[in-house]
Amino acid sequence: MDARTFEFVPAGPLGESRRQERVAVAMTARLRDRASNKYDVHLLDLSVTGFRAEAHQALDKDMIVWLTIPGMQGLEATVAWRRGKIIGCHFRQPLYPAVLDHIVRTLGR
């Protein structure tokens, strides 16, 4: 069974939407902020443009963070939103689809 889901995500101020493929994952990763504080987070889903995670720390909207997935270098992202313990982040540079597939195949299940 394929764990890929599709979610409509607001694309901008004009209210248009874009279709964004998100892959459900279950893995622990680490976030680092600009002050070099490190936080363990639980990744919930991942796409080429960003991720959703459970984070108990005070990671607020518009914060710059670096996501480190085991075996990879840090990926710069911006916290786009926060709802309780759940955050959504947008990567500064999108992942290559092959990198996303590799993460999901080897680490995300």
N, C-alpha and C. Protein backbone atom coordinates (compact mmCIF):
# COMPACT_ATOMS: atom_id res chain seq x y z
N MET A 1 0.84 -1.18 0.00
CA MET A 1 0.00 0.00 0.00
C MET A 1 0.88 1.24 0.00
N ASP A 2 0.55 2.20 -0.82
CA ASP A 2 1.31 3.43 -0.94
C ASP A 2 0.83 4.44 0.09
N ALA A 3 1.76 5.03 0.86
CA ALA A 3 1.40 5.96 1.93
C ALA A 3 1.30 7.40 1.43
N ARG A 4 1.40 7.61 0.13
CA ARG A 4 1.35 8.97 -0.39
C ARG A 4 -0.07 9.52 -0.30
N THR A 5 -0.16 10.77 0.13
CA THR A 5 -1.45 11.44 0.18
C THR A 5 -1.31 12.77 -0.53
N PHE A 6 -2.42 13.34 -0.92
CA PHE A 6 -2.41 14.64 -1.57
C PHE A 6 -3.21 15.60 -0.72
N GLU A 7 -2.66 16.78 -0.55
CA GLU A 7 -3.29 17.80 0.28
C GLU A 7 -3.28 19.11 -0.50
N PHE A 8 -4.39 19.81 -0.49
CA PHE A 8 -4.41 21.12 -1.12
C PHE A 8 -3.89 22.13 -0.13
N VAL A 9 -2.88 22.89 -0.56
CA VAL A 9 -2.17 23.83 0.29
C VAL A 9 -2.35 25.23 -0.30
N PRO A 10 -2.73 26.22 0.51
CA PRO A 10 -2.83 27.56 -0.03
C PRO A 10 -1.50 27.99 -0.66
N ALA A 11 -1.56 28.60 -1.83
CA ALA A 11 -0.33 28.94 -2.54
C ALA A 11 0.04 30.40 -2.44
N GLY A 12 -0.87 31.24 -2.03
CA GLY A 12 -0.50 32.64 -1.97
C GLY A 12 -1.66 33.54 -1.61
N PRO A 13 -1.42 34.84 -1.66
CA PRO A 13 -2.41 35.81 -1.21
C PRO A 13 -3.66 35.88 -2.08
N LEU A 14 -3.60 35.37 -3.30
CA LEU A 14 -4.77 35.43 -4.17
C LEU A 14 -5.73 34.28 -3.94
N GLY A 15 -5.40 33.39 -3.03
CA GLY A 15 -6.29 32.30 -2.67
C GLY A 15 -6.21 31.09 -3.57
N GLU A 16 -5.31 31.10 -4.57
CA GLU A 16 -5.18 29.93 -5.42
C GLU A 16 -4.56 28.78 -4.61
N SER A 17 -4.74 27.56 -5.08
CA SER A 17 -4.20 26.39 -4.39
C SER A 17 -3.31 25.62 -5.35
N ARG A 18 -2.41 24.87 -4.78
CA ARG A 18 -1.56 23.99 -5.57
C ARG A 18 -1.68 22.61 -4.97
N ARG A 19 -1.51 21.59 -5.78
CA ARG A 19 -1.58 20.22 -5.29
C ARG A 19 -0.19 19.81 -4.84
N GLN A 20 -0.08 19.41 -3.60
CA GLN A 20 1.22 19.10 -3.01
C GLN A 20 1.22 17.65 -2.54
N GLU A 21 2.11 16.84 -3.10
CA GLU A 21 2.21 15.45 -2.68
C GLU A 21 2.97 15.39 -1.37
N ARG A 22 2.39 14.74 -0.38
CA ARG A 22 3.03 14.56 0.91
C ARG A 22 3.08 13.07 1.20
N VAL A 23 4.19 12.63 1.76
CA VAL A 23 4.37 11.22 2.09
C VAL A 23 4.39 11.08 3.60
N ALA A 24 3.51 10.23 4.12
CA ALA A 24 3.49 9.98 5.56
C ALA A 24 4.78 9.28 5.97
N VAL A 25 5.41 9.78 7.02
CA VAL A 25 6.62 9.16 7.56
C VAL A 25 6.49 9.08 9.07
N ALA A 26 7.32 8.30 9.67
CA ALA A 26 7.37 8.21 11.13
C ALA A 26 8.84 8.06 11.50
N MET A 27 9.46 9.21 11.79
CA MET A 27 10.88 9.17 12.14
C MET A 27 11.21 10.34 13.05
N THR A 28 12.25 10.14 13.83
CA THR A 28 12.77 11.21 14.67
C THR A 28 13.85 11.94 13.89
N ALA A 29 13.83 13.25 13.98
CA ALA A 29 14.84 14.08 13.33
C ALA A 29 15.22 15.17 14.31
N ARG A 30 16.11 16.03 13.89
CA ARG A 30 16.57 17.11 14.76
C ARG A 30 16.43 18.44 14.03
N LEU A 31 15.95 19.44 14.75
CA LEU A 31 15.92 20.80 14.23
C LEU A 31 16.92 21.63 15.01
N ARG A 32 17.56 22.55 14.29
CA ARG A 32 18.47 23.51 14.94
C ARG A 32 18.02 24.89 14.51
N ASP A 33 18.00 25.83 15.47
CA ASP A 33 17.63 27.20 15.12
C ASP A 33 18.88 28.05 14.94
N ARG A 34 18.69 29.33 14.64
CA ARG A 34 19.83 30.22 14.38
C ARG A 34 20.74 30.39 15.59
N ALA A 35 20.20 30.20 16.79
CA ALA A 35 21.01 30.32 18.01
C ALA A 35 21.70 29.01 18.36
N SER A 36 21.65 28.03 17.46
CA SER A 36 22.25 26.71 17.62
C SER A 36 21.58 25.85 18.68
N ASN A 37 20.35 26.21 19.09
CA ASN A 37 19.56 25.34 19.96
C ASN A 37 19.10 24.15 19.12
N LYS A 38 19.16 22.95 19.70
CA LYS A 38 18.77 21.74 18.99
C LYS A 38 17.54 21.14 19.64
N TYR A 39 16.62 20.67 18.78
CA TYR A 39 15.36 20.11 19.24
C TYR A 39 15.10 18.80 18.52
N ASP A 40 14.72 17.76 19.27
CA ASP A 40 14.27 16.53 18.65
C ASP A 40 12.82 16.72 18.25
N VAL A 41 12.48 16.30 17.04
CA VAL A 41 11.11 16.39 16.54
C VAL A 41 10.72 15.04 15.95
N HIS A 42 9.43 14.82 15.84
CA HIS A 42 8.91 13.61 15.22
C HIS A 42 8.29 14.01 13.88
N LEU A 43 8.91 13.61 12.77
CA LEU A 43 8.38 13.94 11.45
C LEU A 43 7.11 13.14 11.18
N LEU A 44 6.10 13.83 10.69
CA LEU A 44 4.80 13.21 10.39
C LEU A 44 4.61 13.01 8.89
N ASP A 45 5.05 13.99 8.11
CA ASP A 45 5.03 13.83 6.66
C ASP A 45 6.11 14.70 6.04
N LEU A 46 6.39 14.40 4.79
CA LEU A 46 7.51 15.02 4.09
C LEU A 46 7.12 15.17 2.63
N SER A 47 7.55 16.26 2.02
CA SER A 47 7.36 16.46 0.59
C SER A 47 8.64 17.09 0.05
N VAL A 48 8.70 17.31 -1.24
CA VAL A 48 9.88 17.95 -1.80
C VAL A 48 9.99 19.40 -1.35
N THR A 49 8.89 20.01 -0.93
CA THR A 49 8.92 21.42 -0.54
C THR A 49 8.89 21.67 0.96
N GLY A 50 8.66 20.65 1.77
CA GLY A 50 8.61 20.89 3.21
C GLY A 50 8.23 19.67 4.01
N PHE A 51 7.85 19.92 5.26
CA PHE A 51 7.52 18.82 6.16
C PHE A 51 6.57 19.30 7.25
N ARG A 52 5.96 18.33 7.90
CA ARG A 52 5.12 18.56 9.07
C ARG A 52 5.69 17.71 10.19
N ALA A 53 5.77 18.29 11.40
CA ALA A 53 6.40 17.57 12.51
C ALA A 53 5.72 17.92 13.83
N GLU A 54 5.85 17.02 14.78
CA GLU A 54 5.44 17.28 16.15
C GLU A 54 6.67 17.81 16.88
N ALA A 55 6.53 19.01 17.43
CA ALA A 55 7.64 19.67 18.11
C ALA A 55 7.12 20.27 19.41
N HIS A 56 7.65 19.83 20.53
CA HIS A 56 7.19 20.31 21.83
C HIS A 56 7.81 21.66 22.20
N GLN A 57 8.81 22.09 21.47
CA GLN A 57 9.51 23.32 21.79
C GLN A 57 8.80 24.52 21.15
N ALA A 58 9.17 25.70 21.62
CA ALA A 58 8.60 26.94 21.11
C ALA A 58 9.25 27.31 19.79
N LEU A 59 8.79 26.73 18.72
CA LEU A 59 9.27 27.04 17.38
C LEU A 59 8.15 27.82 16.70
N ASP A 60 8.35 29.12 16.56
CA ASP A 60 7.29 30.00 16.10
C ASP A 60 7.34 30.25 14.60
N LYS A 61 6.22 30.70 14.06
CA LYS A 61 6.09 31.04 12.65
C LYS A 61 7.23 31.99 12.24
N ASP A 62 7.75 31.76 11.06
CA ASP A 62 8.81 32.55 10.43
C ASP A 62 10.21 32.29 10.98
N MET A 63 10.36 31.38 11.95
CA MET A 63 11.70 31.03 12.43
C MET A 63 12.44 30.26 11.33
N ILE A 64 13.74 30.53 11.20
CA ILE A 64 14.60 29.77 10.30
C ILE A 64 15.16 28.60 11.10
N VAL A 65 15.06 27.39 10.55
CA VAL A 65 15.55 26.19 11.21
C VAL A 65 16.29 25.33 10.19
N TRP A 66 17.06 24.38 10.68
CA TRP A 66 17.73 23.40 9.83
C TRP A 66 17.28 22.03 10.31
N LEU A 67 16.70 21.26 9.39
CA LEU A 67 16.24 19.90 9.68
C LEU A 67 17.37 18.95 9.37
N THR A 68 17.73 18.11 10.34
CA THR A 68 18.74 17.08 10.10
C THR A 68 18.06 15.72 10.23
N ILE A 69 18.06 15.01 9.12
CA ILE A 69 17.55 13.64 9.06
C ILE A 69 18.78 12.75 9.15
N PRO A 70 18.74 11.66 9.94
CA PRO A 70 19.93 10.81 10.08
C PRO A 70 20.57 10.48 8.74
N GLY A 71 21.89 10.71 8.66
CA GLY A 71 22.65 10.40 7.46
C GLY A 71 22.65 11.50 6.41
N MET A 72 22.01 12.64 6.70
CA MET A 72 21.96 13.74 5.74
C MET A 72 22.47 15.02 6.39
N GLN A 73 22.87 15.97 5.56
CA GLN A 73 23.24 17.28 6.09
C GLN A 73 21.97 18.07 6.38
N GLY A 74 22.10 19.16 7.14
CA GLY A 74 20.96 19.97 7.51
C GLY A 74 20.29 20.62 6.31
N LEU A 75 18.97 20.66 6.33
CA LEU A 75 18.16 21.27 5.28
C LEU A 75 17.51 22.52 5.84
N GLU A 76 17.82 23.68 5.26
CA GLU A 76 17.27 24.94 5.78
C GLU A 76 15.78 25.03 5.45
N ALA A 77 15.01 25.48 6.44
CA ALA A 77 13.57 25.61 6.27
C ALA A 77 13.06 26.78 7.12
N THR A 78 11.86 27.20 6.82
CA THR A 78 11.18 28.25 7.58
C THR A 78 9.91 27.66 8.17
N VAL A 79 9.65 27.94 9.44
CA VAL A 79 8.40 27.51 10.06
C VAL A 79 7.29 28.33 9.44
N ALA A 80 6.37 27.67 8.74
CA ALA A 80 5.28 28.35 8.04
C ALA A 80 4.07 28.54 8.94
N TRP A 81 3.84 27.58 9.84
CA TRP A 81 2.69 27.66 10.75
C TRP A 81 2.91 26.76 11.95
N ARG A 82 2.14 27.00 12.99
CA ARG A 82 2.15 26.18 14.20
C ARG A 82 0.73 26.06 14.71
N ARG A 83 0.32 24.83 15.01
CA ARG A 83 -0.99 24.56 15.61
C ARG A 83 -0.75 23.61 16.78
N GLY A 84 -0.70 24.15 17.98
CA GLY A 84 -0.38 23.34 19.15
C GLY A 84 1.04 22.84 19.06
N LYS A 85 1.21 21.52 19.10
CA LYS A 85 2.54 20.91 19.03
C LYS A 85 2.98 20.62 17.59
N ILE A 86 2.11 20.86 16.63
CA ILE A 86 2.41 20.51 15.23
C ILE A 86 2.88 21.77 14.49
N ILE A 87 4.00 21.60 13.74
CA ILE A 87 4.51 22.69 12.92
C ILE A 87 4.57 22.23 11.46
N GLY A 88 4.44 23.20 10.58
CA GLY A 88 4.64 22.96 9.16
C GLY A 88 5.77 23.86 8.69
N CYS A 89 6.71 23.30 7.96
CA CYS A 89 7.89 24.05 7.52
C CYS A 89 8.07 23.92 6.01
N HIS A 90 8.64 24.96 5.43
CA HIS A 90 8.88 25.02 4.00
C HIS A 90 10.39 25.06 3.77
N PHE A 91 10.91 24.12 2.95
CA PHE A 91 12.34 24.10 2.65
C PHE A 91 12.75 25.32 1.84
N ARG A 92 13.92 25.84 2.12
CA ARG A 92 14.46 26.96 1.34
C ARG A 92 14.74 26.50 -0.10
N GLN A 93 15.32 25.32 -0.23
CA GLN A 93 15.57 24.71 -1.53
C GLN A 93 14.82 23.37 -1.57
N PRO A 94 13.98 23.15 -2.57
CA PRO A 94 13.24 21.88 -2.62
C PRO A 94 14.18 20.67 -2.70
N LEU A 95 13.69 19.56 -2.16
CA LEU A 95 14.42 18.31 -2.29
C LEU A 95 14.26 17.77 -3.71
N TYR A 96 15.25 17.06 -4.18
CA TYR A 96 15.09 16.33 -5.42
C TYR A 96 14.13 15.17 -5.14
N PRO A 97 13.22 14.85 -6.05
CA PRO A 97 12.30 13.73 -5.82
C PRO A 97 13.02 12.43 -5.47
N ALA A 98 14.18 12.16 -6.05
CA ALA A 98 14.92 10.94 -5.74
C ALA A 98 15.41 10.94 -4.29
N VAL A 99 15.74 12.11 -3.76
CA VAL A 99 16.16 12.21 -2.35
C VAL A 99 14.97 11.92 -1.45
N LEU A 100 13.81 12.49 -1.76
CA LEU A 100 12.60 12.21 -0.99
C LEU A 100 12.31 10.71 -1.00
N ASP A 101 12.35 10.09 -2.17
CA ASP A 101 12.09 8.64 -2.26
C ASP A 101 13.09 7.84 -1.43
N HIS A 102 14.36 8.23 -1.46
CA HIS A 102 15.39 7.55 -0.67
C HIS A 102 15.10 7.66 0.83
N ILE A 103 14.77 8.85 1.29
CA ILE A 103 14.46 9.04 2.71
C ILE A 103 13.29 8.16 3.12
N VAL A 104 12.24 8.17 2.33
CA VAL A 104 11.03 7.39 2.67
C VAL A 104 11.35 5.90 2.66
N ARG A 105 12.08 5.43 1.64
CA ARG A 105 12.38 3.99 1.54
C ARG A 105 13.26 3.51 2.68
N THR A 106 14.27 4.30 3.05
CA THR A 106 15.27 3.81 4.01
C THR A 106 15.00 4.22 5.45
N LEU A 107 14.34 5.35 5.66
CA LEU A 107 14.20 5.85 7.03
C LEU A 107 12.78 6.09 7.50
N GLY A 108 11.88 6.29 6.58
CA GLY A 108 10.57 6.81 6.95
C GLY A 108 9.51 5.84 7.36
N ARG A 109 9.78 4.60 7.50
CA ARG A 109 8.71 3.65 7.83
C ARG A 109 8.96 2.97 9.14
